[in-house]
């Protein structure tokens, strides 16, 4: 398979050849006509925190392997080739059922196993306070429990690679140290911790701040506070939700400038209601509302968000406009940065790299990414390359071939 497009990082026109699951070559081309209408090609997006799709929640006790596959496959249309299904605070039984269903789905379909490099457990070891707890159900919040986690890890087939917990949760530091020894990445999130508790958690091995600036009190002390403490610690990478609702542009710019591009990860934190029509929905005893203008909230108000209704491609485009990033920088924060954090293969536009690619149109800051085709492990899972390869002004030898 081969096709032509512009590199996302340099805009250089190239021909990409794929053989099997890998990129065979990335070669410069010399078109005879203008290339401004050519699509871009970038590494496939990799999101650390996606809770479901289309009414399917990964933390639902009734989750089935088929529902898992349905929710996973829906993300190819957004250029996502890897993601961490995220299970939020719930009963042990519900979490065990969710991880079991994900394991079965991944074991039944090779494409799903490749799409899921690991799972994210967000809670239940989080703050019980209103604000930091977010939309997580209070009745299921509890202290850190390694034996419980070990059982959940077994149910997942050792797929839990990321855990978000509150730095002040009972038993947090011993849990962090043990988890890190077992190769699990720990994130601080949904926390009301003081400075010492944040520092102790990082000293114990925490490496990420989950959706920094969200899952927090509406009003906090000027300084110190748990946002400043995490922002100022260079050992912590920060994930940020750039869906246009969770953080204002000034905060996104400040976070990016404070952390630098090496310590920022873009996530969509998509709710299980992402992709659903506006309306009120019941889930796990609570009512959630998809608003007409996009946000997903606890029903009956607009202030308390319950995950995002947008996907990672939207967040990439928003990050460009909000923080003044280049296309290449924003794509890397949503593809290469998550892979580096979790120790996964970092996809590059170079020979020998895994052929996980997103082909898309983009017209500049303020415009969306329009995904035309998504390639995962060398296979086209969304769209078609037939309409992607520019034919005019390209040597016949560069036309797409199978």
Protein backbone atom coordinates (compact mmCIF):
# COMPACT_ATOMS: atom_id res chain seq x y z
CA UNK A 1 0.00 0.00 0.00
CA UNK A 2 1.22 3.50 -0.76
CA UNK A 3 -0.18 7.01 -0.82
CA UNK A 4 0.93 10.64 -0.98
CA UNK A 5 0.27 13.39 1.56
CA UNK A 6 1.97 16.23 3.38
CA UNK A 7 3.86 15.55 6.59
CA UNK A 8 2.03 16.97 9.60
CA UNK A 9 5.22 18.39 11.12
CA UNK A 10 6.95 19.97 8.11
CA UNK A 11 4.21 20.07 5.40
CA UNK A 12 6.72 18.32 3.10
CA UNK A 13 4.98 16.29 0.35
CA UNK A 14 5.88 12.63 0.75
CA UNK A 15 4.98 9.18 -0.46
CA UNK A 16 4.41 6.61 2.29
CA UNK A 17 4.81 2.92 1.56
CA UNK A 18 3.39 0.35 3.97
CA UNK A 19 4.18 -3.33 4.08
CA UNK A 20 2.43 -5.51 6.63
CA UNK A 21 2.14 -3.68 9.93
CA UNK A 22 5.05 -1.33 9.36
CA UNK A 23 6.06 1.70 7.34
CA UNK A 24 8.40 0.52 4.59
CA UNK A 25 9.49 3.97 3.42
CA UNK A 26 8.73 7.68 3.61
CA UNK A 27 10.04 9.32 0.43
CA UNK A 28 9.97 12.96 -0.65
CA UNK A 29 8.11 13.65 -3.89
CA UNK A 30 8.38 16.51 -6.35
CA UNK A 31 4.86 17.38 -7.48
CA UNK A 32 4.48 19.56 -10.56
CA UNK A 33 1.45 21.39 -9.11
CA UNK A 34 0.65 23.22 -5.90
CA UNK A 35 0.26 20.93 -2.86
CA UNK A 36 -1.83 23.20 -0.62
CA UNK A 37 -4.90 21.04 -1.21
CA UNK A 38 -3.08 17.84 -0.32
CA UNK A 39 -4.13 16.15 2.94
CA UNK A 40 -1.79 15.75 5.89
CA UNK A 41 -0.52 12.52 7.40
CA UNK A 42 0.38 12.13 11.08
CA UNK A 43 0.89 9.34 13.60
CA UNK A 44 -2.43 7.95 14.78
CA UNK A 45 -3.80 9.57 17.93
CA UNK A 46 -3.28 7.86 21.30
CA UNK A 47 -5.65 8.88 24.12
CA UNK A 48 -5.01 7.91 27.74
CA UNK A 49 -8.53 8.55 28.97
CA UNK A 50 -11.68 7.53 27.12
CA UNK A 51 -14.67 6.36 29.16
CA UNK A 52 -16.78 4.90 26.37
CA UNK A 53 -18.85 5.97 23.38
CA UNK A 54 -22.42 6.15 22.14
CA UNK A 55 -24.04 5.22 25.45
CA UNK A 56 -21.51 2.47 26.21
CA UNK A 57 -19.48 2.95 29.40
CA UNK A 58 -16.41 0.83 30.05
CA UNK A 59 -17.18 0.88 33.79
CA UNK A 60 -20.71 -0.48 33.32
CA UNK A 61 -21.47 -3.72 35.15
CA UNK A 62 -23.49 -4.87 32.12
CA UNK A 63 -20.61 -4.27 29.67
CA UNK A 64 -20.17 -7.08 27.15
CA UNK A 65 -17.23 -7.88 24.86
CA UNK A 66 -19.37 -6.92 21.84
CA UNK A 67 -20.13 -3.53 23.37
CA UNK A 68 -16.41 -3.05 23.97
CA UNK A 69 -15.66 -3.77 20.32
CA UNK A 70 -18.42 -1.42 19.18
CA UNK A 71 -17.12 1.43 21.35
CA UNK A 72 -13.50 0.87 20.33
CA UNK A 73 -14.21 0.73 16.59
CA UNK A 74 -16.11 4.03 16.73
CA UNK A 75 -12.89 5.86 17.56
CA UNK A 76 -11.18 5.11 14.25
CA UNK A 77 -13.34 7.80 12.62
CA UNK A 78 -11.54 10.32 14.84
CA UNK A 79 -8.02 9.23 13.88
CA UNK A 80 -7.52 7.34 17.15
CA UNK A 81 -5.46 4.18 16.71
CA UNK A 82 -4.60 3.56 20.37
CA UNK A 83 -6.52 4.34 23.53
CA UNK A 84 -6.81 3.40 27.18
CA UNK A 85 -10.38 2.36 28.00
CA UNK A 86 -11.03 4.14 31.27
CA UNK A 87 -13.10 2.76 34.13
CA UNK A 88 -14.18 5.29 36.73
CA UNK A 89 -15.10 4.89 40.40
CA UNK A 90 -17.59 2.08 40.88
CA UNK A 91 -18.20 -1.05 42.92
CA UNK A 92 -15.64 -3.84 42.78
CA UNK A 93 -18.18 -6.00 40.96
CA UNK A 94 -18.78 -3.43 38.24
CA UNK A 95 -15.07 -2.76 37.74
CA UNK A 96 -14.30 -6.48 37.65
CA UNK A 97 -17.03 -7.03 35.05
CA UNK A 98 -15.75 -4.14 32.93
CA UNK A 99 -12.15 -5.28 32.90
CA UNK A 100 -13.23 -8.86 32.20
CA UNK A 101 -15.27 -7.74 29.18
CA UNK A 102 -12.36 -5.67 27.85
CA UNK A 103 -9.98 -8.59 28.28
CA UNK A 104 -12.35 -10.94 26.43
CA UNK A 105 -12.81 -8.43 23.60
CA UNK A 106 -9.06 -7.95 23.18
CA UNK A 107 -8.42 -11.67 23.24
CA UNK A 108 -11.11 -12.26 20.61
CA UNK A 109 -10.04 -9.61 18.07
CA UNK A 110 -6.38 -8.86 17.25
CA UNK A 111 -7.24 -5.33 16.06
CA UNK A 112 -8.78 -4.55 19.45
CA UNK A 113 -5.77 -5.93 21.29
CA UNK A 114 -3.51 -3.66 19.23
CA UNK A 115 -5.79 -0.69 19.82
CA UNK A 116 -5.71 -1.17 23.60
CA UNK A 117 -2.12 -0.97 24.89
CA UNK A 118 -3.57 -0.82 28.39
CA UNK A 119 -6.49 0.26 30.56
CA UNK A 120 -6.88 3.27 32.85
CA UNK A 121 -8.44 2.90 36.31
CA UNK A 122 -9.61 6.38 37.35
CA UNK A 123 -10.58 5.95 40.98
CA UNK A 124 -12.07 4.59 43.17
CA UNK A 125 -9.20 5.78 45.38
CA UNK A 126 -10.02 9.48 45.09
CA UNK A 127 -11.25 12.41 47.17
CA UNK A 128 -14.73 12.16 48.64
CA UNK A 129 -15.13 15.97 48.66
CA UNK A 130 -17.59 17.69 46.36
CA UNK A 131 -15.64 19.32 43.55
CA UNK A 132 -12.51 17.17 43.50
CA UNK A 133 -14.69 14.06 43.29
CA UNK A 134 -16.27 15.39 40.10
CA UNK A 135 -19.06 13.16 38.77
CA UNK A 136 -17.68 10.03 40.45
CA UNK A 137 -20.30 8.40 42.74
CA UNK A 138 -19.59 9.11 46.41
CA UNK A 139 -20.84 5.73 47.63
CA UNK A 140 -18.03 3.94 45.81
CA UNK A 141 -15.11 6.18 46.84
CA UNK A 142 -12.69 4.29 49.08
CA UNK A 143 -9.10 4.07 50.27
CA UNK A 144 -6.31 2.43 48.29
CA UNK A 145 -6.49 -1.36 48.37
CA UNK A 146 -3.68 -3.31 46.69
CA UNK A 147 -5.46 -6.65 47.06
CA UNK A 148 -8.53 -5.26 45.32
CA UNK A 149 -6.36 -3.82 42.56
CA UNK A 150 -4.53 -7.11 42.15
CA UNK A 151 -7.86 -8.87 41.52
CA UNK A 152 -8.88 -6.22 38.99
CA UNK A 153 -5.52 -6.51 37.28
CA UNK A 154 -5.99 -10.26 36.98
CA UNK A 155 -9.47 -9.74 35.50
CA UNK A 156 -8.00 -7.39 32.89
CA UNK A 157 -5.31 -9.86 31.87
CA UNK A 158 -2.64 -7.49 33.27
CA UNK A 159 -3.87 -4.66 31.06
CA UNK A 160 -4.24 -1.94 33.71
CA UNK A 161 -1.29 0.33 32.95
CA UNK A 162 -2.48 3.62 34.47
CA UNK A 163 -4.20 4.41 37.78
CA UNK A 164 -5.49 7.83 38.83
CA UNK A 165 -5.78 8.36 42.58
CA UNK A 166 -5.90 11.18 45.11
CA UNK A 167 -2.59 11.90 46.80
CA UNK A 168 -4.37 12.07 50.16
CA UNK A 169 -6.30 8.80 49.80
CA UNK A 170 -5.78 6.31 52.63
CA UNK A 171 -2.71 4.22 51.85
CA UNK A 172 -1.81 6.26 48.76
CA UNK A 173 1.99 6.26 49.07
CA UNK A 174 2.43 2.52 49.80
CA UNK A 175 0.02 1.78 46.94
CA UNK A 176 1.95 4.03 44.58
CA UNK A 177 5.28 2.43 45.42
CA UNK A 178 3.92 -1.10 44.97
CA UNK A 179 2.15 -0.23 41.72
CA UNK A 180 5.27 1.38 40.26
CA UNK A 181 7.28 -1.72 41.19
CA UNK A 182 4.76 -3.71 39.13
CA UNK A 183 5.10 -1.43 36.08
CA UNK A 184 1.90 0.58 36.56
CA UNK A 185 1.99 4.33 35.92
CA UNK A 186 0.38 6.41 38.66
CA UNK A 187 -1.42 9.71 38.14
CA UNK A 188 -2.66 12.21 40.69
CA UNK A 189 -6.22 13.34 40.07
CA UNK A 190 -9.56 14.09 41.71
CA UNK A 191 -7.52 15.24 44.68
CA UNK A 192 -7.86 17.79 47.49
CA UNK A 193 -4.33 17.11 48.78
CA UNK A 194 -2.10 19.61 50.53
CA UNK A 195 1.43 20.42 49.38
CA UNK A 196 3.10 17.76 51.51
CA UNK A 197 0.73 15.04 50.31
CA UNK A 198 1.34 15.98 46.66
CA UNK A 199 5.09 15.96 47.22
CA UNK A 200 4.96 12.60 49.02
CA UNK A 201 2.95 11.05 46.19
CA UNK A 202 5.46 12.25 43.60
CA UNK A 203 8.36 11.07 45.74
CA UNK A 204 6.64 7.66 45.85
CA UNK A 205 6.54 7.52 42.05
CA UNK A 206 3.49 9.37 40.66
CA UNK A 207 4.32 10.70 37.18
CA UNK A 208 1.15 12.26 35.78
CA UNK A 209 -1.51 14.80 36.75
CA UNK A 210 -4.84 13.60 35.36
CA UNK A 211 -6.81 16.40 33.60
CA UNK A 212 -5.03 19.13 35.56
CA UNK A 213 -7.36 22.00 36.42
CA UNK A 214 -10.45 19.81 36.44
CA UNK A 215 -11.78 17.53 39.15
CA UNK A 216 -11.19 20.40 41.57
CA UNK A 217 -13.04 22.74 43.94
CA UNK A 218 -14.81 25.66 42.31
CA UNK A 219 -12.94 27.98 44.70
CA UNK A 220 -9.54 27.20 46.20
CA UNK A 221 -6.90 28.97 48.23
CA UNK A 222 -4.85 31.42 46.16
CA UNK A 223 -1.59 29.69 47.05
CA UNK A 224 -0.45 27.15 47.82
CA UNK A 225 -2.98 24.78 46.31
CA UNK A 226 -2.99 21.38 44.60
CA UNK A 227 -3.03 22.85 41.09
CA UNK A 228 0.06 25.01 41.65
CA UNK A 229 1.81 22.15 43.48
CA UNK A 230 1.37 19.83 40.50
CA UNK A 231 2.03 22.48 37.88
CA UNK A 232 5.30 23.44 39.55
CA UNK A 233 6.69 19.91 39.95
CA UNK A 234 8.83 19.11 36.91
CA UNK A 235 8.57 15.38 37.63
CA UNK A 236 4.87 15.42 36.73
CA UNK A 237 3.49 15.42 33.22
CA UNK A 238 0.05 17.04 32.96
CA UNK A 239 -2.83 15.74 30.88
CA UNK A 240 -5.23 18.49 29.81
CA UNK A 241 -8.70 18.37 28.28
CA UNK A 242 -8.81 20.80 25.36
CA UNK A 243 -12.40 20.15 24.31
CA UNK A 244 -13.24 23.86 24.62
CA UNK A 245 -15.37 23.40 27.75
CA UNK A 246 -13.14 22.01 30.50
CA UNK A 247 -10.41 24.68 30.38
CA UNK A 248 -10.39 28.25 29.03
CA UNK A 249 -7.69 29.21 26.51
CA UNK A 250 -5.73 31.27 29.07
CA UNK A 251 -5.36 28.24 31.34
CA UNK A 252 -4.35 25.96 28.47
CA UNK A 253 -1.69 28.46 27.40
CA UNK A 254 -0.42 28.82 30.96
CA UNK A 255 -0.20 25.06 31.51
CA UNK A 256 1.61 24.49 28.23
CA UNK A 257 4.11 27.26 28.88
CA UNK A 258 4.72 26.21 32.49
CA UNK A 259 5.17 22.51 31.74
CA UNK A 260 6.75 22.78 28.30
CA UNK A 261 5.91 20.52 25.40
CA UNK A 262 7.76 17.58 26.96
CA UNK A 263 5.41 17.50 29.97
CA UNK A 264 1.96 17.92 28.40
CA UNK A 265 -0.46 15.27 27.12
CA UNK A 266 -3.73 16.06 25.35
CA UNK A 267 -6.73 13.93 26.27
CA UNK A 268 -10.41 14.17 25.39
CA UNK A 269 -11.69 12.39 28.54
CA UNK A 270 -14.70 11.42 26.44
CA UNK A 271 -17.76 10.33 28.37
CA UNK A 272 -19.68 7.17 27.61
CA UNK A 273 -22.30 9.58 26.27
CA UNK A 274 -19.95 11.00 23.63
CA UNK A 275 -21.61 10.60 20.26
CA UNK A 276 -25.12 10.65 21.77
CA UNK A 277 -27.85 13.12 20.83
CA UNK A 278 -28.68 15.99 23.22
CA UNK A 279 -30.89 14.88 26.09
CA UNK A 280 -30.95 13.43 29.61
CA UNK A 281 -29.56 9.94 30.19
CA UNK A 282 -29.53 7.61 33.19
CA UNK A 283 -26.33 5.84 34.17
CA UNK A 284 -25.48 3.94 37.36
CA UNK A 285 -28.21 5.67 39.37
CA UNK A 286 -27.35 9.18 38.18
CA UNK A 287 -28.72 11.51 35.52
CA UNK A 288 -26.44 13.10 32.95
CA UNK A 289 -27.28 15.54 30.20
CA UNK A 290 -25.81 16.08 26.75
CA UNK A 291 -26.34 19.78 26.08
CA UNK A 292 -27.22 21.22 22.68
CA UNK A 293 -23.89 23.07 22.45
CA UNK A 294 -21.79 20.00 23.24
CA UNK A 295 -20.90 19.74 26.96
CA UNK A 296 -21.92 16.71 29.01
CA UNK A 297 -22.97 17.63 32.55
CA UNK A 298 -24.70 16.34 35.62
CA UNK A 299 -28.32 16.86 34.63
CA UNK A 300 -30.11 20.06 35.55
CA UNK A 301 -27.23 22.55 35.48
CA UNK A 302 -24.27 23.63 33.30
CA UNK A 303 -21.39 24.00 35.76
CA UNK A 304 -20.48 20.45 36.75
CA UNK A 305 -19.07 18.57 33.78
CA UNK A 306 -19.25 14.78 33.49
CA UNK A 307 -16.58 13.99 30.93
CA UNK A 308 -16.33 15.37 27.44
CA UNK A 309 -18.55 15.04 24.41
CA UNK A 310 -15.63 15.60 22.03
CA UNK A 311 -12.97 13.26 20.71
CA UNK A 312 -9.21 13.64 20.48
CA UNK A 313 -9.15 15.08 16.96
CA UNK A 314 -11.31 17.99 18.13
CA UNK A 315 -9.02 18.50 21.13
CA UNK A 316 -5.96 18.68 18.84
CA UNK A 317 -7.55 21.38 16.69
CA UNK A 318 -8.67 23.29 19.79
CA UNK A 319 -5.19 23.14 21.34
CA UNK A 320 -3.75 24.83 18.26
CA UNK A 321 -6.19 27.71 18.55
CA UNK A 322 -6.11 27.93 22.36
CA UNK A 323 -2.38 27.74 22.98
CA UNK A 324 -0.87 28.92 19.70
CA UNK A 325 0.64 25.50 18.99
CA UNK A 326 1.73 24.35 15.56
CA UNK A 327 -0.06 21.45 13.91
CA UNK A 328 2.97 19.26 14.51
CA UNK A 329 3.20 20.17 18.19
CA UNK A 330 -0.48 19.56 18.87
CA UNK A 331 -0.51 16.20 17.07
CA UNK A 332 2.56 15.07 18.98
CA UNK A 333 0.93 15.95 22.32
CA UNK A 334 -1.96 13.62 21.41
CA UNK A 335 0.07 10.81 19.85
CA UNK A 336 3.75 10.63 20.72
CA UNK A 337 3.55 12.12 24.25
CA UNK A 338 1.10 9.50 25.61
CA UNK A 339 3.18 6.70 24.11
CA UNK A 340 6.35 8.02 25.77
CA UNK A 341 4.61 8.34 29.12
CA UNK A 342 3.42 4.73 29.11
CA UNK A 343 6.59 3.29 27.57
CA UNK A 344 4.80 2.27 24.38
CA UNK A 345 6.15 2.44 20.84
CA UNK A 346 6.32 6.03 19.64
CA UNK A 347 5.00 6.08 16.07
CA UNK A 348 7.13 8.12 13.66
CA UNK A 349 6.88 8.87 9.97
CA UNK A 350 9.94 6.77 9.24
CA UNK A 351 10.94 3.33 8.00
CA UNK A 352 10.32 0.53 10.47
CA UNK A 353 7.73 2.37 12.55
CA UNK A 354 4.36 0.85 13.29
CA UNK A 355 1.94 1.90 10.54
CA UNK A 356 -0.57 3.72 12.74
CA UNK A 357 -1.50 6.80 10.73
CA UNK A 358 -4.16 9.48 10.48
CA UNK A 359 -4.76 11.13 7.09
CA UNK A 360 -6.70 14.37 7.35
CA UNK A 361 -7.54 17.79 5.96
CA UNK A 362 -6.72 20.88 8.00
CA UNK A 363 -7.17 24.49 6.90
CA UNK A 364 -5.39 26.34 9.69
CA UNK A 365 -5.99 27.64 13.23
CA UNK A 366 -9.68 27.76 14.09
CA UNK A 367 -10.65 25.02 11.66
CA UNK A 368 -11.29 21.36 12.52
CA UNK A 369 -9.31 18.29 11.59
CA UNK A 370 -11.31 16.36 9.00
CA UNK A 371 -10.19 12.74 9.21
CA UNK A 372 -10.17 11.11 5.76
CA UNK A 373 -8.60 7.75 6.61
CA UNK A 374 -7.25 5.95 9.65
CA UNK A 375 -4.64 3.22 9.29
CA UNK A 376 -3.86 0.93 12.24
CA UNK A 377 -1.09 -1.65 12.09
CA UNK A 378 -1.07 -1.33 8.30
CA UNK A 379 -4.82 -1.82 7.77
CA UNK A 380 -7.33 0.87 6.79
CA UNK A 381 -9.98 0.89 9.52
CA UNK A 382 -11.78 4.08 8.54
CA UNK A 383 -12.25 5.95 5.28
CA UNK A 384 -10.48 5.12 2.05
CA UNK A 385 -7.09 5.91 0.56
CA UNK A 386 -8.60 5.91 -2.94
CA UNK A 387 -9.74 9.50 -2.52
CA UNK A 388 -6.68 10.59 -0.55
CA UNK A 389 -3.73 10.22 -2.91
CA UNK A 390 -3.36 13.35 -5.06
CA UNK A 391 -3.33 12.25 -8.69
CA UNK A 392 -2.75 15.57 -10.40
CA UNK A 393 0.86 16.64 -10.62
CA UNK A 394 2.31 13.34 -9.34
CA UNK A 395 4.31 10.88 -11.39
CA UNK A 396 2.24 7.80 -12.32
CA UNK A 397 4.68 5.67 -10.33
CA UNK A 398 3.49 7.47 -7.19
CA UNK A 399 -0.16 6.60 -7.59
CA UNK A 400 -1.63 4.39 -4.88
CA UNK A 401 -1.12 0.66 -5.34
CA UNK A 402 -2.11 -2.31 -3.26
